[in-house]
Amino acid sequence: MAQQTHHSHHRRHSSRPQEVNPTFATSQNFFVPPKNEKVLDRNELLAALNHLASLIISAFNGHKVTLYAHGGSVMVLHSKLGARGTTRDVDICLREFDSEWAEKGIPDATKRLKWCIYETARLRGLGGDWMNSAPDVAFPWATDRNGLPYCPVLRQSRCPGNHAENTIYTSSHLDVVAVSWPWALALKFVRYDKNDPHDIACILHYAAAANSCVWSCSRLESWLRDNCWAMRYDGYTPERMTKLRDRIRMSISLARERSDPNFSPSSMSSGSTVPTPPIYRPSPHTHIPQQPPAHQQFVHQTAFVPRPPAFHTRHSSRSNQMSAF
């Protein structure tokens, strides 16, 4: 009798939805470390994105999700760069993600996406921050003509031309698009970690070849000021501006060396008359508020480990075949 009561209680208990411990796997006792230490090459990145896309299908009610990426993953996946063989994470911008999806009837979009990211990490043996938005703290804010705040990095990167040029992953339910080239450079000049000088040089080399231009220090600085005006370069202290110009000078030197092994940094000149890459102007701007953290350095944040939202996931491999450009 006691055994029957136990089984009856078990049936009642198992009929209710189970809350999943966000730190441990549901099907196996596998801990997901907050920081990813697994090196991700192109194939591993594409496999992880394919798995993420399969989870997005049900998490976002069949809608397609577009994510904007920057950093090492772009250098690995972008077919026109191929600058790097591996990375450890995919940096994405989630500045306006919730507001964008709230208009489509999904008010908890960031929570859903982070659950998909976490489940992908769990099932593929990655750390929780294999995809993260920690660098968002360094992105500037701007205001439109109505005084409403917006992210100028996303505004510029959503242009159709940027999608055509910088889509690095696409499937039936997920697109990953690299941020526009000016912002890719501006963000790397702020961070300037160990891989950034090489990455910047690769981007400059590609832009020079694509636009038949020769970079100079003054030309690159002017191009950044025109395209990334929200960085408020005019407000830089003399020390900070000197540091930026030193980084610009070094990056141009590295870019020139990629195309001309005999190049000497002393030969750089600001008087060249060849064209520069175009200026990206998706929309006019009015003013930049005082509070944006454009001057802040990137800071490391512990990976967000979310609890699964109340929906069921279905895995589908046929409808999420990968292609990368």
Protein backbone atom coordinates (compact mmCIF):
# COMPACT_ATOMS: atom_id res chain seq x y z
CA MET A 1 0.00 0.00 0.00
CA ALA A 2 2.82 2.31 0.85
CA GLN A 3 4.46 1.45 -2.47
CA GLN A 4 1.28 2.31 -4.40
CA THR A 5 1.05 5.65 -2.59
CA HIS A 6 4.65 6.40 -3.51
CA HIS A 7 4.03 5.63 -7.20
CA SER A 8 0.84 7.66 -7.19
CA HIS A 9 2.69 10.62 -5.72
CA HIS A 10 5.46 10.21 -8.31
CA ARG A 11 2.93 10.27 -11.15
CA ARG A 12 1.32 13.44 -9.82
CA HIS A 13 4.71 15.07 -9.35
CA SER A 14 6.07 14.13 -12.78
CA SER A 15 2.95 15.47 -14.52
CA ARG A 16 3.94 19.00 -13.52
CA PRO A 17 6.55 20.95 -15.54
CA GLN A 18 9.99 20.50 -14.03
CA GLU A 19 12.10 23.54 -13.25
CA VAL A 20 15.58 22.94 -14.62
CA ASN A 21 18.63 23.81 -12.53
CA PRO A 22 20.41 26.36 -14.75
CA THR A 23 23.86 25.32 -13.57
CA PHE A 24 23.60 21.59 -14.31
CA ALA A 25 22.43 19.71 -17.34
CA THR A 26 18.98 18.19 -17.30
CA SER A 27 19.90 14.87 -18.89
CA GLN A 28 23.37 14.38 -17.47
CA ASN A 29 25.39 15.65 -14.58
CA PHE A 30 27.49 18.08 -16.60
CA PHE A 31 28.62 21.40 -15.21
CA VAL A 32 28.63 24.40 -17.54
CA PRO A 33 31.56 26.65 -16.58
CA PRO A 34 30.78 30.37 -16.75
CA LYS A 35 33.81 31.10 -18.94
CA ASN A 36 34.47 29.29 -22.19
CA GLU A 37 37.98 27.88 -22.47
CA LYS A 38 37.35 25.79 -25.56
CA VAL A 39 39.04 27.10 -28.68
CA LEU A 40 36.48 27.62 -31.45
CA ASP A 41 37.58 27.23 -35.04
CA ARG A 42 35.37 27.92 -38.04
CA ASN A 43 33.77 24.47 -38.05
CA GLU A 44 33.06 24.53 -34.32
CA LEU A 45 31.58 28.03 -34.54
CA LEU A 46 29.28 27.03 -37.38
CA ALA A 47 28.21 23.89 -35.54
CA ALA A 48 27.41 25.91 -32.41
CA LEU A 49 25.43 28.44 -34.44
CA ASN A 50 23.53 25.64 -36.17
CA HIS A 51 22.55 24.24 -32.77
CA LEU A 52 21.60 27.71 -31.51
CA ALA A 53 19.41 28.20 -34.59
CA SER A 54 17.61 24.91 -33.93
CA LEU A 55 16.67 26.10 -30.44
CA ILE A 56 15.58 29.53 -31.66
CA ILE A 57 12.82 27.99 -33.77
CA SER A 58 10.54 27.25 -30.83
CA ALA A 59 12.00 29.83 -28.44
CA PHE A 60 10.95 32.64 -30.79
CA ASN A 61 7.73 31.06 -32.05
CA GLY A 62 9.10 30.40 -35.51
CA HIS A 63 10.36 33.95 -36.09
CA LYS A 64 13.81 34.58 -37.53
CA VAL A 65 16.37 36.21 -35.25
CA THR A 66 19.14 38.53 -36.41
CA LEU A 67 22.16 39.04 -34.17
CA TYR A 68 24.91 41.61 -34.68
CA ALA A 69 28.40 40.37 -33.92
CA HIS A 70 31.85 41.88 -33.56
CA GLY A 71 35.24 40.76 -32.36
CA GLY A 72 37.11 37.52 -33.01
CA SER A 73 34.20 35.50 -34.41
CA VAL A 74 33.89 37.94 -37.31
CA MET A 75 37.58 37.55 -38.05
CA VAL A 76 37.14 33.78 -38.17
CA LEU A 77 33.85 33.55 -40.12
CA HIS A 78 33.98 36.49 -42.55
CA SER A 79 34.87 35.05 -45.95
CA LYS A 80 36.60 38.25 -47.05
CA LEU A 81 38.91 38.34 -44.06
CA GLY A 82 39.91 34.87 -42.87
CA ALA A 83 42.16 36.76 -40.51
CA ARG A 84 42.05 34.34 -37.63
CA GLY A 85 41.78 30.61 -37.28
CA THR A 86 40.16 30.51 -33.85
CA THR A 87 38.41 32.49 -31.15
CA ARG A 88 36.91 31.72 -27.74
CA ASP A 89 33.60 33.55 -27.99
CA VAL A 90 31.06 35.34 -30.13
CA ASP A 91 30.50 38.93 -29.05
CA ILE A 92 26.99 40.18 -29.85
CA CYS A 93 25.15 43.43 -29.21
CA LEU A 94 21.85 43.10 -27.33
CA ARG A 95 21.31 46.81 -26.67
CA GLU A 96 17.87 46.99 -28.29
CA PHE A 97 16.99 43.30 -28.42
CA ASP A 98 14.17 43.33 -25.86
CA SER A 99 12.49 46.45 -27.24
CA GLU A 100 12.73 45.10 -30.79
CA TRP A 101 11.05 41.83 -29.88
CA ALA A 102 8.50 43.34 -27.50
CA GLU A 103 6.95 44.94 -30.56
CA LYS A 104 6.57 41.43 -32.01
CA GLY A 105 4.82 40.12 -28.91
CA ILE A 106 7.84 38.55 -27.17
CA PRO A 107 8.66 40.70 -24.11
CA ASP A 108 11.34 38.37 -22.69
CA ALA A 109 13.48 37.98 -25.82
CA THR A 110 16.86 38.37 -24.11
CA LYS A 111 15.94 35.71 -21.53
CA ARG A 112 14.89 33.34 -24.29
CA LEU A 113 18.03 33.95 -26.32
CA LYS A 114 20.28 33.46 -23.31
CA TRP A 115 18.52 30.19 -22.55
CA CYS A 116 19.27 29.05 -26.12
CA ILE A 117 22.90 30.13 -25.68
CA TYR A 118 23.14 28.25 -22.38
CA GLU A 119 21.59 25.08 -23.78
CA THR A 120 23.98 25.20 -26.74
CA ALA A 121 26.88 25.49 -24.30
CA ARG A 122 25.57 22.59 -22.25
CA LEU A 123 25.08 20.24 -25.16
CA ARG A 124 28.28 21.17 -27.00
CA GLY A 125 30.60 21.27 -24.01
CA LEU A 126 31.22 25.03 -24.09
CA GLY A 127 31.49 27.66 -21.40
CA GLY A 128 28.47 29.80 -20.62
CA ASP A 129 29.96 32.91 -22.24
CA TRP A 130 30.73 31.30 -25.62
CA MET A 131 28.25 33.89 -26.90
CA ASN A 132 27.85 37.03 -24.79
CA SER A 133 27.04 40.73 -24.83
CA ALA A 134 29.53 41.86 -22.17
CA PRO A 135 31.14 44.49 -24.48
CA ASP A 136 27.80 46.35 -24.67
CA VAL A 137 28.98 48.47 -21.73
CA ALA A 138 31.44 50.19 -24.08
CA PHE A 139 28.89 51.02 -26.78
CA PRO A 140 27.78 54.64 -26.99
CA TRP A 141 24.22 55.88 -26.96
CA ALA A 142 22.75 58.64 -29.10
CA THR A 143 19.35 60.32 -29.36
CA ASP A 144 17.12 60.75 -32.39
CA ARG A 145 15.23 63.88 -33.43
CA ASN A 146 12.48 63.04 -30.96
CA GLY A 147 14.92 62.77 -28.08
CA LEU A 148 14.65 58.99 -27.88
CA PRO A 149 17.84 57.01 -27.20
CA TYR A 150 19.18 54.50 -29.69
CA CYS A 151 22.37 52.55 -30.32
CA PRO A 152 24.28 54.10 -33.26
CA VAL A 153 26.29 50.91 -33.72
CA LEU A 154 23.11 48.94 -34.43
CA ARG A 155 21.50 51.75 -36.42
CA GLN A 156 24.42 51.78 -38.84
CA SER A 157 24.82 48.00 -38.92
CA ARG A 158 21.15 47.40 -39.83
CA CYS A 159 21.61 49.09 -43.20
CA PRO A 160 20.83 46.73 -46.12
CA GLY A 161 24.28 47.39 -47.53
CA ASN A 162 25.91 46.15 -44.35
CA HIS A 163 23.76 43.03 -44.34
CA ALA A 164 24.79 42.29 -47.92
CA GLU A 165 28.47 42.85 -47.11
CA ASN A 166 28.76 41.42 -43.60
CA THR A 167 26.40 38.50 -43.08
CA ILE A 168 28.69 35.83 -41.65
CA TYR A 169 26.09 33.16 -40.90
CA THR A 170 22.59 32.49 -42.20
CA SER A 171 19.98 29.80 -41.70
CA SER A 172 16.21 29.58 -41.86
CA HIS A 173 15.80 31.03 -38.34
CA LEU A 174 19.05 32.83 -37.53
CA ASP A 175 21.25 35.42 -39.21
CA VAL A 176 24.49 36.69 -37.71
CA VAL A 177 25.69 39.96 -39.19
CA ALA A 178 28.98 41.68 -38.41
CA VAL A 179 28.72 45.30 -37.30
CA SER A 180 29.73 47.85 -39.92
CA TRP A 181 33.44 48.20 -40.65
CA PRO A 182 33.83 51.66 -39.06
CA TRP A 183 32.35 50.44 -35.80
CA ALA A 184 34.31 47.19 -35.94
CA LEU A 185 37.47 49.32 -36.04
CA ALA A 186 36.32 51.87 -33.46
CA LEU A 187 35.49 49.16 -30.92
CA LYS A 188 38.79 47.39 -31.47
CA PHE A 189 40.73 50.63 -31.08
CA VAL A 190 39.07 51.08 -27.68
CA ARG A 191 39.75 47.56 -26.48
CA TYR A 192 43.08 46.92 -28.25
CA ASP A 193 43.81 43.53 -26.71
CA LYS A 194 46.46 41.11 -27.96
CA ASN A 195 44.66 40.11 -31.19
CA ASP A 196 43.20 43.52 -32.00
CA PRO A 197 46.22 45.10 -33.78
CA HIS A 198 46.35 42.15 -36.19
CA ASP A 199 42.56 42.16 -36.66
CA ILE A 200 42.50 45.89 -37.37
CA ALA A 201 45.30 45.50 -39.89
CA CYS A 202 43.32 42.78 -41.71
CA ILE A 203 40.23 44.97 -41.92
CA LEU A 204 42.26 47.94 -43.17
CA HIS A 205 44.00 45.75 -45.72
CA TYR A 206 40.66 44.49 -47.03
CA ALA A 207 39.11 47.99 -47.12
CA ALA A 208 42.13 49.39 -48.96
CA ALA A 209 41.94 46.67 -51.60
CA ALA A 210 38.15 46.88 -51.97
CA ASN A 211 38.16 50.69 -52.35
CA SER A 212 41.53 51.14 -54.10
CA CYS A 213 42.66 53.46 -51.35
CA VAL A 214 45.82 54.01 -49.35
CA TRP A 215 45.36 54.64 -45.67
CA SER A 216 47.11 57.46 -43.87
CA CYS A 217 46.84 58.32 -40.18
CA SER A 218 44.86 61.48 -40.80
CA ARG A 219 42.57 59.80 -43.33
CA LEU A 220 41.70 56.92 -40.99
CA GLU A 221 41.10 59.27 -38.06
CA SER A 222 38.83 61.43 -40.20
CA TRP A 223 36.94 58.37 -41.44
CA LEU A 224 36.34 57.21 -37.86
CA ARG A 225 35.18 60.67 -36.80
CA ASP A 226 32.70 60.84 -39.70
CA ASN A 227 31.28 57.36 -39.29
CA CYS A 228 31.54 56.87 -35.53
CA TRP A 229 30.69 60.39 -34.39
CA ALA A 230 28.97 58.95 -31.30
CA MET A 231 32.38 58.00 -29.90
CA ARG A 232 32.83 61.74 -29.18
CA TYR A 233 36.46 61.86 -30.26
CA ASP A 234 36.40 65.64 -29.82
CA GLY A 235 35.99 65.02 -26.10
CA TYR A 236 39.09 62.85 -25.81
CA THR A 237 41.81 64.12 -23.51
CA PRO A 238 45.17 64.84 -25.18
CA GLU A 239 46.62 61.70 -23.60
CA ARG A 240 43.79 59.56 -24.87
CA MET A 241 43.98 61.01 -28.35
CA THR A 242 47.72 60.39 -28.43
CA LYS A 243 47.12 56.76 -27.51
CA LEU A 244 44.48 56.40 -30.25
CA ARG A 245 46.78 57.95 -32.87
CA ASP A 246 49.61 55.65 -31.84
CA ARG A 247 47.30 52.68 -32.33
CA ILE A 248 46.17 54.02 -35.70
CA ARG A 249 49.77 54.46 -36.80
CA MET A 250 50.71 50.94 -35.74
CA SER A 251 47.65 49.40 -37.41
CA ILE A 252 48.29 51.13 -40.72
CA SER A 253 51.88 49.98 -40.60
CA LEU A 254 50.77 46.39 -40.05
CA ALA A 255 48.21 46.66 -42.87
CA ARG A 256 50.80 48.01 -45.29
CA GLU A 257 53.19 45.19 -44.40
CA ARG A 258 50.53 42.65 -45.40
CA SER A 259 50.47 43.96 -48.97
CA ASP A 260 54.05 45.22 -49.29
CA PRO A 261 56.79 43.34 -47.41
CA ASN A 262 59.21 46.17 -48.27
CA PHE A 263 57.01 48.84 -46.71
CA SER A 264 58.67 51.17 -44.22
CA PRO A 265 56.54 52.96 -41.57
CA SER A 266 58.57 56.11 -42.17
CA SER A 267 57.12 56.32 -45.67
CA MET A 268 53.57 56.94 -44.45
CA SER A 269 52.15 60.22 -45.65
CA SER A 270 48.91 62.09 -45.13
CA GLY A 271 49.01 63.79 -48.50
CA SER A 272 47.74 60.97 -50.73
CA THR A 273 44.86 61.87 -53.04
CA VAL A 274 43.48 58.35 -53.53
CA PRO A 275 39.90 57.75 -52.35
CA THR A 276 38.87 56.58 -48.92
CA PRO A 277 36.10 54.09 -48.08
CA PRO A 278 32.59 55.55 -48.04
CA ILE A 279 30.95 57.17 -45.04
CA TYR A 280 28.06 55.21 -43.56
CA ARG A 281 25.17 57.56 -42.83
CA PRO A 282 21.98 55.58 -42.19
CA SER A 283 20.16 58.56 -40.71
CA PRO A 284 20.92 62.10 -39.54
CA HIS A 285 21.72 62.63 -35.87
CA THR A 286 21.01 65.48 -33.54
CA HIS A 287 23.03 65.38 -30.38
CA ILE A 288 24.78 62.91 -28.11
CA PRO A 289 23.69 62.78 -24.47
CA GLN A 290 26.25 63.21 -21.72
CA GLN A 291 25.81 59.83 -20.10
CA PRO A 292 26.86 57.32 -22.83
CA PRO A 293 29.84 55.21 -21.76
CA ALA A 294 31.66 55.63 -25.09
CA HIS A 295 34.88 56.31 -23.23
CA GLN A 296 34.74 53.19 -21.09
CA GLN A 297 37.03 50.24 -21.66
CA PHE A 298 35.60 46.76 -22.18
CA VAL A 299 35.09 45.01 -18.86
CA HIS A 300 34.73 41.29 -18.25
CA GLN A 301 31.37 40.13 -16.98
CA THR A 302 30.50 36.72 -15.59
CA ALA A 303 28.38 34.81 -18.07
CA PHE A 304 24.66 35.04 -17.45
CA VAL A 305 23.25 31.61 -16.58
CA PRO A 306 19.49 31.86 -17.17
CA ARG A 307 16.60 29.67 -16.14
CA PRO A 308 14.71 28.19 -19.09
CA PRO A 309 11.51 30.09 -19.93
CA ALA A 310 8.20 28.28 -20.10
CA PHE A 311 8.24 26.85 -23.59
CA HIS A 312 9.17 23.56 -25.20
CA THR A 313 12.13 23.23 -27.56
CA ARG A 314 12.25 21.09 -30.66
CA HIS A 315 15.46 20.25 -32.45
CA SER A 316 15.45 20.37 -36.22
CA SER A 317 18.47 19.80 -38.39
CA ARG A 318 16.78 19.87 -41.80
CA SER A 319 15.37 23.38 -41.53
CA ASN A 320 18.55 24.95 -40.23
CA GLN A 321 21.19 24.10 -42.77
CA MET A 322 24.11 26.48 -42.47
CA SER A 323 25.71 28.67 -45.03
CA ALA A 324 28.29 31.31 -44.37
CA PHE A 325 29.40 34.12 -46.59
